[in-house]
Amino acid sequence: MAERPFFSVLVPVYNAGQWLKPCIESVLGQTDGGFELLLVDDGSTDSSGALCDEYAERDKRIRAFHQENAGQLAARVTALKHHRGEYCVFLDADDRLVPHALETLRKAVDESGADCVVFGIRWDRPGGAEHLTTPPSMCRRLITDRREALLHLLSDDAYNSVCRKCARSSCFDGRDLSAFYHIRSGEDKIQSMEIQENARSFYFLPDELYLYRANEASVTHTICYDDYRADYSVESYTHDVLVRLGIFTEADFDRLRNHLLDALVIELKRICRFCSDRDHAAAALRSIRENDYYRSFLSVGYRGGRGGVKRFLNRIALRLLKRGHLNALIFFCARIYRAG
């Protein structure tokens, strides 16, 4: 039997085009060669599937799988079913790892023994690079208090990406995630919560080991918001995991709610800007008010936390939403958005 690799690098592939080869080469060029690379072709209609097979024939560390298009989450689940490594690293097909990424992660695991190592990302955008890192106070210390780790991880949406986490194989329990395969935005958090529920220890690195490529095809367009319907299935799932763990206090849930409400106000402003007319905007806003998770958790509004002008304006917008004053909300949010 072949020796078990230390790392499994899992790559969902769908019409990756010109970016797939640099992605694969970034793995093959690692200074630590103790890995297997799993490429899951999720029903690509371009040459991506053929390129996966070509690399698999060329290098025994690479395995290629093909399935009908089911989405990125489904492709990652397929990869997890076939992986053999001690730790899993996730990589999107249009992104890259820095050459020393796996070497750095192995050193972190050897030093800490952590189940989950969280690292930084450099986001290459047209206007310049953005650096998503962890505050120094959280770095290079083993955290075994799951509540402390989750409070930090859930305080910033930049941590939602599963691509920022190197997780021990035991962090994945084979749970059925098929109910979330339809999600095209936010599905990373589903798998991140699986890791965070099962990991017994966490270790944060300041190093930027992942190079994220901005995809212009994902930029918001009007048609997306004209068809907008609220979907809080990811937030509801996260909430259920936290309740199941039983480690969050009422104050912790208040902090989580406040964070989600800040994000909701941003969504309200986007709806008012990108919907083509008031009818579409009202339908989108109505879908939020009618959502079960909004009604049961978010409609309570802000609790505790700091105030300030921004929070004051947010409270007004949320109060208008809760009371169903949608025309007033559309007018108000349009003015907030223009003001920044």
C-alpha atoms as a PDB file:
ATOM      1  CA  MET A   1       0.000   0.000   0.000  1.00  0.00           C
ATOM      2  CA  ALA A   2       1.261   3.473  -0.881  1.00  0.00           C
ATOM      3  CA  GLU A   3       2.467   5.633   1.991  1.00  0.00           C
ATOM      4  CA  ARG A   4      -0.215   7.961   3.297  1.00  0.00           C
ATOM      5  CA  PRO A   5       0.458  11.537   2.161  1.00  0.00           C
ATOM      6  CA  PHE A   6       0.596  14.231   4.812  1.00  0.00           C
ATOM      7  CA  PHE A   7      -1.540  16.652   2.780  1.00  0.00           C
ATOM      8  CA  SER A   8      -4.534  16.232   0.518  1.00  0.00           C
ATOM      9  CA  VAL A   9      -4.969  19.308  -1.667  1.00  0.00           C
ATOM     10  CA  LEU A  10      -8.588  19.372  -2.834  1.00  0.00           C
ATOM     11  CA  VAL A  11      -9.520  21.353  -5.953  1.00  0.00           C
ATOM     12  CA  PRO A  12     -13.088  21.676  -7.320  1.00  0.00           C
ATOM     13  CA  VAL A  13     -12.896  22.415 -11.039  1.00  0.00           C
ATOM     14  CA  TYR A  14     -15.548  23.990 -13.234  1.00  0.00           C
ATOM     15  CA  ASN A  15     -14.687  25.704 -16.532  1.00  0.00           C
ATOM     16  CA  ALA A  16     -11.460  26.983 -15.017  1.00  0.00           C
ATOM     17  CA  GLY A  17     -10.008  27.811 -18.433  1.00  0.00           C
ATOM     18  CA  GLN A  18      -6.613  29.466 -18.471  1.00  0.00           C
ATOM     19  CA  TRP A  19      -6.295  29.537 -14.682  1.00  0.00           C
ATOM     20  CA  LEU A  20      -6.340  25.787 -14.002  1.00  0.00           C
ATOM     21  CA  LYS A  21      -2.785  25.089 -15.181  1.00  0.00           C
ATOM     22  CA  PRO A  22      -1.186  27.799 -12.945  1.00  0.00           C
ATOM     23  CA  CYS A  23      -3.294  26.454 -10.063  1.00  0.00           C
ATOM     24  CA  ILE A  24      -2.030  22.892 -10.523  1.00  0.00           C
ATOM     25  CA  GLU A  25       1.542  24.025 -11.109  1.00  0.00           C
ATOM     26  CA  SER A  26       1.465  25.986  -7.846  1.00  0.00           C
ATOM     27  CA  VAL A  27       0.866  22.690  -6.040  1.00  0.00           C
ATOM     28  CA  LEU A  28       3.435  20.729  -8.007  1.00  0.00           C
ATOM     29  CA  GLY A  29       5.985  23.448  -7.255  1.00  0.00           C
ATOM     30  CA  GLN A  30       5.623  23.148  -3.467  1.00  0.00           C
ATOM     31  CA  THR A  31       8.820  22.917  -1.425  1.00  0.00           C
ATOM     32  CA  ASP A  32       7.118  20.126   0.565  1.00  0.00           C
ATOM     33  CA  GLY A  33       6.281  17.238  -1.759  1.00  0.00           C
ATOM     34  CA  GLY A  34       4.326  15.161   0.747  1.00  0.00           C
ATOM     35  CA  PHE A  35       0.916  15.674  -0.839  1.00  0.00           C
ATOM     36  CA  GLU A  36      -1.724  14.208  -3.068  1.00  0.00           C
ATOM     37  CA  LEU A  37      -3.704  16.468  -5.387  1.00  0.00           C
ATOM     38  CA  LEU A  38      -7.358  15.667  -6.028  1.00  0.00           C
ATOM     39  CA  LEU A  39      -8.997  17.399  -8.990  1.00  0.00           C
ATOM     40  CA  VAL A  40     -12.779  17.111  -9.176  1.00  0.00           C
ATOM     41  CA  ASP A  41     -14.189  18.128 -12.535  1.00  0.00           C
ATOM     42  CA  ASP A  42     -17.708  19.339 -11.741  1.00  0.00           C
ATOM     43  CA  GLY A  43     -19.211  18.879 -15.204  1.00  0.00           C
ATOM     44  CA  SER A  44     -16.986  21.369 -17.024  1.00  0.00           C
ATOM     45  CA  THR A  45     -17.991  22.180 -20.604  1.00  0.00           C
ATOM     46  CA  ASP A  46     -14.546  23.480 -21.584  1.00  0.00           C
ATOM     47  CA  SER A  47     -11.221  21.632 -21.673  1.00  0.00           C
ATOM     48  CA  SER A  48     -10.776  21.633 -17.871  1.00  0.00           C
ATOM     49  CA  GLY A  49     -11.744  17.979 -17.469  1.00  0.00           C
ATOM     50  CA  ALA A  50      -9.272  16.859 -20.108  1.00  0.00           C
ATOM     51  CA  LEU A  51      -6.506  18.892 -18.468  1.00  0.00           C
ATOM     52  CA  CYS A  52      -7.241  17.188 -15.135  1.00  0.00           C
ATOM     53  CA  ASP A  53      -6.828  13.776 -16.788  1.00  0.00           C
ATOM     54  CA  GLU A  54      -3.656  14.881 -18.527  1.00  0.00           C
ATOM     55  CA  TYR A  55      -2.024  15.886 -15.246  1.00  0.00           C
ATOM     56  CA  ALA A  56      -3.261  12.709 -13.496  1.00  0.00           C
ATOM     57  CA  GLU A  57      -1.576  10.571 -16.145  1.00  0.00           C
ATOM     58  CA  ARG A  58       1.616  12.577 -15.815  1.00  0.00           C
ATOM     59  CA  ASP A  59       2.017  12.553 -11.997  1.00  0.00           C
ATOM     60  CA  LYS A  60       1.020   9.668  -9.694  1.00  0.00           C
ATOM     61  CA  ARG A  61       0.314  12.122  -6.854  1.00  0.00           C
ATOM     62  CA  ILE A  62      -2.606  13.527  -8.827  1.00  0.00           C
ATOM     63  CA  ARG A  63      -6.035  11.896  -9.116  1.00  0.00           C
ATOM     64  CA  ALA A  64      -8.845  13.205 -11.295  1.00  0.00           C
ATOM     65  CA  PHE A  65     -12.569  12.646 -10.762  1.00  0.00           C
ATOM     66  CA  HIS A  66     -15.500  13.629 -12.943  1.00  0.00           C
ATOM     67  CA  GLN A  67     -19.125  14.258 -12.003  1.00  0.00           C
ATOM     68  CA  GLU A  68     -22.197  16.009 -13.338  1.00  0.00           C
ATOM     69  CA  ASN A  69     -22.382  19.666 -12.413  1.00  0.00           C
ATOM     70  CA  ALA A  70     -23.581  19.944  -8.808  1.00  0.00           C
ATOM     71  CA  GLY A  71     -21.698  22.960  -7.488  1.00  0.00           C
ATOM     72  CA  GLN A  72     -18.476  23.698  -5.668  1.00  0.00           C
ATOM     73  CA  LEU A  73     -19.611  22.291  -2.328  1.00  0.00           C
ATOM     74  CA  ALA A  74     -20.597  18.990  -3.937  1.00  0.00           C
ATOM     75  CA  ALA A  75     -17.225  18.779  -5.704  1.00  0.00           C
ATOM     76  CA  ARG A  76     -15.394  19.306  -2.418  1.00  0.00           C
ATOM     77  CA  VAL A  77     -17.495  16.613  -0.756  1.00  0.00           C
ATOM     78  CA  THR A  78     -16.521  14.225  -3.562  1.00  0.00           C
ATOM     79  CA  ALA A  79     -12.864  15.042  -2.981  1.00  0.00           C
ATOM     80  CA  LEU A  80     -13.222  14.424   0.754  1.00  0.00           C
ATOM     81  CA  LYS A  81     -14.712  10.990   0.095  1.00  0.00           C
ATOM     82  CA  HIS A  82     -11.564   9.978  -1.803  1.00  0.00           C
ATOM     83  CA  HIS A  83      -8.801  11.782   0.094  1.00  0.00           C
ATOM     84  CA  ARG A  84      -6.089   9.869   1.953  1.00  0.00           C
ATOM     85  CA  GLY A  85      -4.034  12.643   3.545  1.00  0.00           C
ATOM     86  CA  GLU A  86      -3.668  13.409   7.232  1.00  0.00           C
ATOM     87  CA  TYR A  87      -4.554  17.072   6.647  1.00  0.00           C
ATOM     88  CA  CYS A  88      -6.768  18.691   4.018  1.00  0.00           C
ATOM     89  CA  VAL A  89      -5.990  21.921   2.199  1.00  0.00           C
ATOM     90  CA  PHE A  90      -8.587  23.498  -0.103  1.00  0.00           C
ATOM     91  CA  LEU A  91      -7.708  25.356  -3.277  1.00  0.00           C
ATOM     92  CA  ASP A  92     -10.012  26.863  -5.894  1.00  0.00           C
ATOM     93  CA  ALA A  93      -9.165  26.181  -9.527  1.00  0.00           C
ATOM     94  CA  ASP A  94      -8.420  29.828 -10.388  1.00  0.00           C
ATOM     95  CA  ASP A  95      -6.225  30.457  -7.343  1.00  0.00           C
ATOM     96  CA  ARG A  96      -2.709  29.426  -6.273  1.00  0.00           C
ATOM     97  CA  LEU A  97      -0.644  28.461  -3.244  1.00  0.00           C
ATOM     98  CA  VAL A  98       2.630  30.232  -2.542  1.00  0.00           C
ATOM     99  CA  PRO A  99       5.605  27.847  -3.085  1.00  0.00           C
ATOM    100  CA  HIS A 100       6.292  27.319   0.632  1.00  0.00           C
ATOM    101  CA  ALA A 101       2.642  26.975   1.723  1.00  0.00           C
ATOM    102  CA  LEU A 102       2.666  23.262   2.573  1.00  0.00           C
ATOM    103  CA  GLU A 103       6.103  23.455   4.164  1.00  0.00           C
ATOM    104  CA  THR A 104       4.907  26.284   6.415  1.00  0.00           C
ATOM    105  CA  LEU A 105       1.740  24.400   7.327  1.00  0.00           C
ATOM    106  CA  ARG A 106       3.634  21.205   8.157  1.00  0.00           C
ATOM    107  CA  LYS A 107       5.937  23.168  10.495  1.00  0.00           C
ATOM    108  CA  ALA A 108       2.883  24.727  12.166  1.00  0.00           C
ATOM    109  CA  VAL A 109       1.309  21.300  12.678  1.00  0.00           C
ATOM    110  CA  ASP A 110       4.570  19.829  13.987  1.00  0.00           C
ATOM    111  CA  GLU A 111       5.009  22.712  16.422  1.00  0.00           C
ATOM    112  CA  SER A 112       1.435  22.928  17.660  1.00  0.00           C
ATOM    113  CA  GLY A 113      -0.290  19.611  16.967  1.00  0.00           C
ATOM    114  CA  ALA A 114      -3.398  21.642  16.093  1.00  0.00           C
ATOM    115  CA  ASP A 115      -6.376  20.096  14.361  1.00  0.00           C
ATOM    116  CA  CYS A 116      -6.955  23.286  12.361  1.00  0.00           C
ATOM    117  CA  VAL A 117      -4.375  25.798  11.176  1.00  0.00           C
ATOM    118  CA  VAL A 118      -5.765  29.112   9.922  1.00  0.00           C
ATOM    119  CA  PHE A 119      -3.606  31.268   7.641  1.00  0.00           C
ATOM    120  CA  GLY A 120      -3.712  34.453   5.598  1.00  0.00           C
ATOM    121  CA  ILE A 121      -4.719  35.206   2.022  1.00  0.00           C
ATOM    122  CA  ARG A 122      -3.480  37.767  -0.467  1.00  0.00           C
ATOM    123  CA  TRP A 123      -6.367  38.889  -2.643  1.00  0.00           C
ATOM    124  CA  ASP A 124      -5.135  40.169  -6.003  1.00  0.00           C
ATOM    125  CA  ARG A 125      -7.650  42.768  -7.178  1.00  0.00           C
ATOM    126  CA  PRO A 126      -7.551  45.170 -10.150  1.00  0.00           C
ATOM    127  CA  GLY A 127      -7.007  48.098  -7.781  1.00  0.00           C
ATOM    128  CA  GLY A 128      -4.206  46.406  -5.868  1.00  0.00           C
ATOM    129  CA  ALA A 129      -3.657  43.576  -3.405  1.00  0.00           C
ATOM    130  CA  GLU A 130      -5.735  43.159  -0.251  1.00  0.00           C
ATOM    131  CA  HIS A 131      -4.217  41.280   2.658  1.00  0.00           C
ATOM    132  CA  LEU A 132      -6.506  39.111   4.797  1.00  0.00           C
ATOM    133  CA  THR A 133      -4.541  38.191   7.888  1.00  0.00           C
ATOM    134  CA  THR A 134      -4.989  37.449  11.591  1.00  0.00           C
ATOM    135  CA  PRO A 135      -4.218  39.969  14.368  1.00  0.00           C
ATOM    136  CA  PRO A 136      -0.831  39.289  16.025  1.00  0.00           C
ATOM    137  CA  SER A 137      -2.511  38.674  19.399  1.00  0.00           C
ATOM    138  CA  MET A 138      -4.163  35.531  18.002  1.00  0.00           C
ATOM    139  CA  CYS A 139      -1.135  34.161  16.150  1.00  0.00           C
ATOM    140  CA  ARG A 140       1.283  31.366  16.990  1.00  0.00           C
ATOM    141  CA  ARG A 141      -0.431  30.074  20.099  1.00  0.00           C
ATOM    142  CA  LEU A 142      -2.410  26.867  20.437  1.00  0.00           C
ATOM    143  CA  ILE A 143      -6.050  27.585  21.214  1.00  0.00           C
ATOM    144  CA  THR A 144      -7.949  24.701  22.801  1.00  0.00           C
ATOM    145  CA  ASP A 145     -10.885  26.812  23.991  1.00  0.00           C
ATOM    146  CA  ARG A 146     -13.336  26.288  21.129  1.00  0.00           C
ATOM    147  CA  ARG A 147     -15.499  29.203  22.271  1.00  0.00           C
ATOM    148  CA  GLU A 148     -12.550  31.605  22.061  1.00  0.00           C
ATOM    149  CA  ALA A 149     -11.662  30.327  18.587  1.00  0.00           C
ATOM    150  CA  LEU A 150     -15.229  30.499  17.285  1.00  0.00           C
ATOM    151  CA  LEU A 151     -15.848  33.977  18.671  1.00  0.00           C
ATOM    152  CA  HIS A 152     -12.869  35.162  16.648  1.00  0.00           C
ATOM    153  CA  LEU A 153     -13.614  33.156  13.498  1.00  0.00           C
ATOM    154  CA  LEU A 154     -17.251  34.287  13.388  1.00  0.00           C
ATOM    155  CA  SER A 155     -16.440  37.943  14.023  1.00  0.00           C
ATOM    156  CA  ASP A 156     -15.023  38.484  10.524  1.00  0.00           C
ATOM    157  CA  ASP A 157     -16.511  37.099   7.297  1.00  0.00           C
ATOM    158  CA  ALA A 158     -12.998  36.871   5.846  1.00  0.00           C
ATOM    159  CA  TYR A 159     -12.622  33.690   7.913  1.00  0.00           C
ATOM    160  CA  ASN A 160     -15.610  32.017   6.235  1.00  0.00           C
ATOM    161  CA  SER A 161     -13.426  30.743   3.399  1.00  0.00           C
ATOM    162  CA  VAL A 162     -12.510  27.084   3.791  1.00  0.00           C
ATOM    163  CA  CYS A 163      -9.430  27.902   1.702  1.00  0.00           C
ATOM    164  CA  ARG A 164      -7.899  29.626   4.751  1.00  0.00           C
ATOM    165  CA  LYS A 165      -7.924  26.422   6.776  1.00  0.00           C
ATOM    166  CA  CYS A 166      -5.657  23.391   6.887  1.00  0.00           C
ATOM    167  CA  ALA A 167      -7.709  20.789   8.766  1.00  0.00           C
ATOM    168  CA  ARG A 168      -6.983  17.350  10.156  1.00  0.00           C
ATOM    169  CA  SER A 169      -8.865  14.585   8.365  1.00  0.00           C
ATOM    170  CA  SER A 170     -10.865  13.815  11.529  1.00  0.00           C
ATOM    171  CA  CYS A 171     -12.485  17.269  11.281  1.00  0.00           C
ATOM    172  CA  PHE A 172     -14.674  15.882   8.492  1.00  0.00           C
ATOM    173  CA  ASP A 173     -17.333  13.458   9.692  1.00  0.00           C
ATOM    174  CA  GLY A 174     -19.008  12.622   6.386  1.00  0.00           C
ATOM    175  CA  ARG A 175     -22.192  14.538   7.216  1.00  0.00           C
ATOM    176  CA  ASP A 176     -24.780  14.953   4.481  1.00  0.00           C
ATOM    177  CA  LEU A 177     -24.478  18.466   3.051  1.00  0.00           C
ATOM    178  CA  SER A 178     -26.573  17.866  -0.070  1.00  0.00           C
ATOM    179  CA  ALA A 179     -29.279  20.242   1.166  1.00  0.00           C
ATOM    180  CA  PHE A 180     -26.790  23.066   0.574  1.00  0.00           C
ATOM    181  CA  TYR A 181     -25.552  22.117  -2.887  1.00  0.00           C
ATOM    182  CA  HIS A 182     -27.788  24.765  -4.463  1.00  0.00           C
ATOM    183  CA  ILE A 183     -25.942  27.573  -2.687  1.00  0.00           C
ATOM    184  CA  ARG A 184     -23.604  29.545  -4.921  1.00  0.00           C
ATOM    185  CA  SER A 185     -22.509  32.172  -2.410  1.00  0.00           C
ATOM    186  CA  GLY A 186     -21.472  31.396   1.151  1.00  0.00           C
ATOM    187  CA  GLU A 187     -21.155  27.636   0.779  1.00  0.00           C
ATOM    188  CA  ASP A 188     -17.608  27.840   2.186  1.00  0.00           C
ATOM    189  CA  LYS A 189     -19.007  28.604   5.619  1.00  0.00           C
ATOM    190  CA  ILE A 190     -20.912  25.306   5.655  1.00  0.00           C
ATOM    191  CA  GLN A 191     -17.698  23.302   5.485  1.00  0.00           C
ATOM    192  CA  SER A 192     -15.868  25.752   7.721  1.00  0.00           C
ATOM    193  CA  MET A 193     -18.471  25.095  10.420  1.00  0.00           C
ATOM    194  CA  GLU A 194     -17.964  21.332  10.046  1.00  0.00           C
ATOM    195  CA  ILE A 195     -14.255  21.872  10.692  1.00  0.00           C
ATOM    196  CA  GLN A 196     -14.890  24.256  13.564  1.00  0.00           C
ATOM    197  CA  GLU A 197     -17.379  21.918  15.206  1.00  0.00           C
ATOM    198  CA  ASN A 198     -14.989  18.941  15.134  1.00  0.00           C
ATOM    199  CA  ALA A 199     -11.582  20.558  15.660  1.00  0.00           C
ATOM    200  CA  ARG A 200     -10.299  20.316  19.219  1.00  0.00           C
ATOM    201  CA  SER A 201      -7.526  22.873  18.768  1.00  0.00           C
ATOM    202  CA  PHE A 202      -6.725  25.846  16.536  1.00  0.00           C
ATOM    203  CA  TYR A 203      -3.510  27.588  15.519  1.00  0.00           C
ATOM    204  CA  PHE A 204      -3.429  30.912  13.642  1.00  0.00           C
ATOM    205  CA  LEU A 205      -0.584  31.914  11.343  1.00  0.00           C
ATOM    206  CA  PRO A 206       0.151  35.460  10.132  1.00  0.00           C
ATOM    207  CA  ASP A 207       1.568  34.123   6.842  1.00  0.00           C
ATOM    208  CA  GLU A 208      -0.233  34.747   3.550  1.00  0.00           C
ATOM    209  CA  LEU A 209      -0.067  31.287   1.973  1.00  0.00           C
ATOM    210  CA  TYR A 210      -2.938  31.531  -0.493  1.00  0.00           C
ATOM    211  CA  LEU A 211      -3.186  33.752  -3.573  1.00  0.00           C
ATOM    212  CA  TYR A 212      -6.796  34.563  -4.374  1.00  0.00           C
ATOM    213  CA  ARG A 213      -7.549  35.837  -7.843  1.00  0.00           C
ATOM    214  CA  ALA A 214     -10.397  38.354  -8.180  1.00  0.00           C
ATOM    215  CA  ASN A 215     -12.956  37.005 -10.643  1.00  0.00           C
ATOM    216  CA  GLU A 216     -14.603  39.795 -12.596  1.00  0.00           C
ATOM    217  CA  ALA A 217     -17.402  37.415 -13.622  1.00  0.00           C
ATOM    218  CA  SER A 218     -18.616  37.430 -10.012  1.00  0.00           C
ATOM    219  CA  VAL A 219     -19.102  41.195  -9.794  1.00  0.00           C
ATOM    220  CA  THR A 220     -22.655  42.138  -8.794  1.00  0.00           C
ATOM    221  CA  HIS A 221     -25.048  42.822 -11.646  1.00  0.00           C
ATOM    222  CA  THR A 222     -28.543  44.258 -11.627  1.00  0.00           C
ATOM    223  CA  ILE A 223     -30.178  41.034 -12.781  1.00  0.00           C
ATOM    224  CA  CYS A 224     -28.895  39.257  -9.657  1.00  0.00           C
ATOM    225  CA  TYR A 225     -30.742  41.645  -7.386  1.00  0.00           C
ATOM    226  CA  ASP A 226     -33.867  41.748  -9.510  1.00  0.00           C
ATOM    227  CA  ASP A 227     -34.067  37.994  -8.841  1.00  0.00           C
ATOM    228  CA  TYR A 228     -32.954  38.297  -5.217  1.00  0.00           C
ATOM    229  CA  ARG A 229     -34.706  36.136  -2.631  1.00  0.00           C
ATOM    230  CA  ALA A 230     -33.376  35.929   0.905  1.00  0.00           C
ATOM    231  CA  ASP A 231     -31.654  32.652   1.771  1.00  0.00           C
ATOM    232  CA  TYR A 232     -30.405  32.350   5.338  1.00  0.00           C
ATOM    233  CA  SER A 233     -29.774  28.605   5.205  1.00  0.00           C
ATOM    234  CA  VAL A 234     -26.043  29.083   5.880  1.00  0.00           C
ATOM    235  CA  GLU A 235     -26.684  31.362   8.868  1.00  0.00           C
ATOM    236  CA  SER A 236     -29.371  29.007  10.187  1.00  0.00           C
ATOM    237  CA  TYR A 237     -27.010  26.038   9.859  1.00  0.00           C
ATOM    238  CA  THR A 238     -24.279  27.964  11.679  1.00  0.00           C
ATOM    239  CA  HIS A 239     -26.735  28.833  14.435  1.00  0.00           C
ATOM    240  CA  ASP A 240     -27.767  25.176  14.795  1.00  0.00           C
ATOM    241  CA  VAL A 241     -24.127  24.098  15.118  1.00  0.00           C
ATOM    242  CA  LEU A 242     -23.505  26.692  17.843  1.00  0.00           C
ATOM    243  CA  VAL A 243     -26.617  25.617  19.753  1.00  0.00           C
ATOM    244  CA  ARG A 244     -25.532  21.976  19.449  1.00  0.00           C
ATOM    245  CA  LEU A 245     -22.064  22.793  20.806  1.00  0.00           C
ATOM    246  CA  GLY A 246     -23.635  24.572  23.776  1.00  0.00           C
ATOM    247  CA  ILE A 247     -20.644  26.871  24.328  1.00  0.00           C
ATOM    248  CA  PHE A 248     -22.072  30.278  23.376  1.00  0.00           C
ATOM    249  CA  THR A 249     -23.603  32.509  26.010  1.00  0.00           C
ATOM    250  CA  GLU A 250     -26.579  34.775  25.388  1.00  0.00           C
ATOM    251  CA  ALA A 251     -24.121  37.679  25.054  1.00  0.00           C
ATOM    252  CA  ASP A 252     -22.179  35.691  22.438  1.00  0.00           C
ATOM    253  CA  PHE A 253     -25.332  35.203  20.385  1.00  0.00           C
ATOM    254  CA  ASP A 254     -26.030  38.930  20.720  1.00  0.00           C
ATOM    255  CA  ARG A 255     -22.591  39.650  19.245  1.00  0.00           C
ATOM    256  CA  LEU A 256     -23.274  37.214  16.421  1.00  0.00           C
ATOM    257  CA  ARG A 257     -26.646  38.847  15.738  1.00  0.00           C
ATOM    258  CA  ASN A 258     -25.112  42.318  15.711  1.00  0.00           C
ATOM    259  CA  HIS A 259     -22.500  41.165  13.192  1.00  0.00           C
ATOM    260  CA  LEU A 260     -25.181  39.634  10.959  1.00  0.00           C
ATOM    261  CA  LEU A 261     -27.314  42.778  11.196  1.00  0.00           C
ATOM    262  CA  ASP A 262     -24.390  44.923  10.043  1.00  0.00           C
ATOM    263  CA  ALA A 263     -24.100  42.598   7.027  1.00  0.00           C
ATOM    264  CA  LEU A 264     -27.861  42.749   6.468  1.00  0.00           C
ATOM    265  CA  VAL A 265     -27.829  46.543   6.234  1.00  0.00           C
ATOM    266  CA  ILE A 266     -25.124  46.312   3.572  1.00  0.00           C
ATOM    267  CA  GLU A 267     -27.394  43.918   1.689  1.00  0.00           C
ATOM    268  CA  LEU A 268     -30.320  46.315   2.037  1.00  0.00           C
ATOM    269  CA  LYS A 269     -28.257  49.089   0.476  1.00  0.00           C
ATOM    270  CA  ARG A 270     -27.190  46.831  -2.384  1.00  0.00           C
ATOM    271  CA  ILE A 271     -30.782  45.829  -3.071  1.00  0.00           C
ATOM    272  CA  CYS A 272     -31.805  49.459  -3.264  1.00  0.00           C
ATOM    273  CA  ARG A 273     -28.930  50.308  -5.573  1.00  0.00           C
ATOM    274  CA  PHE A 274     -28.901  47.326  -7.939  1.00  0.00           C
ATOM    275  CA  CYS A 275     -32.585  46.476  -8.360  1.00  0.00           C
ATOM    276  CA  SER A 276     -33.881  48.002 -11.567  1.00  0.00           C
ATOM    277  CA  ASP A 277     -37.063  49.448 -10.028  1.00  0.00           C
ATOM    278  CA  ARG A 278     -39.001  49.803  -6.793  1.00  0.00           C
ATOM    279  CA  ASP A 279     -41.168  46.735  -7.403  1.00  0.00           C
ATOM    280  CA  HIS A 280     -38.151  44.446  -7.643  1.00  0.00           C
ATOM    281  CA  ALA A 281     -36.565  46.091  -4.599  1.00  0.00           C
ATOM    282  CA  ALA A 282     -39.770  45.706  -2.579  1.00  0.00           C
ATOM    283  CA  ALA A 283     -40.036  42.024  -3.528  1.00  0.00           C
ATOM    284  CA  ALA A 284     -36.430  41.448  -2.440  1.00  0.00           C
ATOM    285  CA  LEU A 285     -36.981  43.236   0.875  1.00  0.00           C
ATOM    286  CA  ARG A 286     -40.226  41.362   1.434  1.00  0.00           C
ATOM    287  CA  SER A 287     -38.380  38.063   1.039  1.00  0.00           C
ATOM    288  CA  ILE A 288     -36.112  39.041   3.942  1.00  0.00           C
ATOM    289  CA  ARG A 289     -39.042  39.937   6.202  1.00  0.00           C
ATOM    290  CA  GLU A 290     -40.743  36.617   5.404  1.00  0.00           C
ATOM    291  CA  ASN A 291     -37.651  34.498   6.049  1.00  0.00           C
ATOM    292  CA  ASP A 292     -37.919  32.244   9.117  1.00  0.00           C
ATOM    293  CA  TYR A 293     -34.388  32.946  10.338  1.00  0.00           C
ATOM    294  CA  TYR A 294     -34.923  36.689  10.063  1.00  0.00           C
ATOM    295  CA  ARG A 295     -38.149  36.429  12.031  1.00  0.00           C
ATOM    296  CA  SER A 296     -36.764  34.136  14.749  1.00  0.00           C
ATOM    297  CA  PHE A 297     -33.327  35.683  15.311  1.00  0.00           C
ATOM    298  CA  LEU A 298     -32.508  38.829  13.351  1.00  0.00           C
ATOM    299  CA  SER A 299     -35.734  40.785  13.772  1.00  0.00           C
ATOM    300  CA  VAL A 300     -34.913  41.245  17.463  1.00  0.00           C
ATOM    301  CA  GLY A 301     -32.479  43.944  16.389  1.00  0.00           C
ATOM    302  CA  TYR A 302     -29.211  45.099  17.890  1.00  0.00           C
ATOM    303  CA  ARG A 303     -28.389  44.241  21.473  1.00  0.00           C
ATOM    304  CA  GLY A 304     -25.486  45.736  23.395  1.00  0.00           C
ATOM    305  CA  GLY A 305     -22.338  46.767  21.574  1.00  0.00           C
ATOM    306  CA  ARG A 306     -21.180  50.242  20.680  1.00  0.00           C
ATOM    307  CA  GLY A 307     -23.310  52.927  19.116  1.00  0.00           C
ATOM    308  CA  GLY A 308     -22.134  55.698  16.875  1.00  0.00           C
ATOM    309  CA  VAL A 309     -23.626  57.308  13.790  1.00  0.00           C
ATOM    310  CA  LYS A 310     -23.321  54.205  11.609  1.00  0.00           C
ATOM    311  CA  ARG A 311     -25.131  51.989  14.113  1.00  0.00           C
ATOM    312  CA  PHE A 312     -27.789  54.688  14.611  1.00  0.00           C
ATOM    313  CA  LEU A 313     -28.505  54.760  10.859  1.00  0.00           C
ATOM    314  CA  ASN A 314     -28.509  50.976  10.738  1.00  0.00           C
ATOM    315  CA  ARG A 315     -31.116  50.848  13.486  1.00  0.00           C
ATOM    316  CA  ILE A 316     -33.381  53.149  11.486  1.00  0.00           C
ATOM    317  CA  ALA A 317     -33.077  50.991   8.367  1.00  0.00           C
ATOM    318  CA  LEU A 318     -33.763  47.801  10.318  1.00  0.00           C
ATOM    319  CA  ARG A 319     -36.741  49.349  12.096  1.00  0.00           C
ATOM    320  CA  LEU A 320     -38.266  50.319   8.741  1.00  0.00           C
ATOM    321  CA  LEU A 321     -37.716  46.769   7.487  1.00  0.00           C
ATOM    322  CA  LYS A 322     -39.277  45.194  10.563  1.00  0.00           C
ATOM    323  CA  ARG A 323     -42.343  47.437  10.363  1.00  0.00           C
ATOM    324  CA  GLY A 324     -42.767  46.794   6.646  1.00  0.00           C
ATOM    325  CA  HIS A 325     -42.302  50.413   5.547  1.00  0.00           C
ATOM    326  CA  LEU A 326     -40.593  49.277   2.348  1.00  0.00           C
ATOM    327  CA  ASN A 327     -40.947  52.429   0.250  1.00  0.00           C
ATOM    328  CA  ALA A 328     -39.489  54.492   3.068  1.00  0.00           C
ATOM    329  CA  LEU A 329     -36.694  51.929   3.472  1.00  0.00           C
ATOM    330  CA  ILE A 330     -35.859  52.059  -0.242  1.00  0.00           C
ATOM    331  CA  PHE A 331     -35.633  55.837  -0.112  1.00  0.00           C
ATOM    332  CA  PHE A 332     -33.618  55.821   3.121  1.00  0.00           C
ATOM    333  CA  CYS A 333     -31.137  53.130   2.054  1.00  0.00           C
ATOM    334  CA  ALA A 334     -30.531  54.812  -1.287  1.00  0.00           C
ATOM    335  CA  ARG A 335     -29.439  57.911   0.613  1.00  0.00           C
ATOM    336  CA  ILE A 336     -27.230  55.920   3.014  1.00  0.00           C
ATOM    337  CA  TYR A 337     -25.516  54.185   0.111  1.00  0.00           C
ATOM    338  CA  ARG A 338     -24.748  57.442  -1.648  1.00  0.00           C
ATOM    339  CA  ALA A 339     -23.352  58.797   1.576  1.00  0.00           C
ATOM    340  CA  GLY A 340     -20.922  55.855   1.732  1.00  0.00           C
END
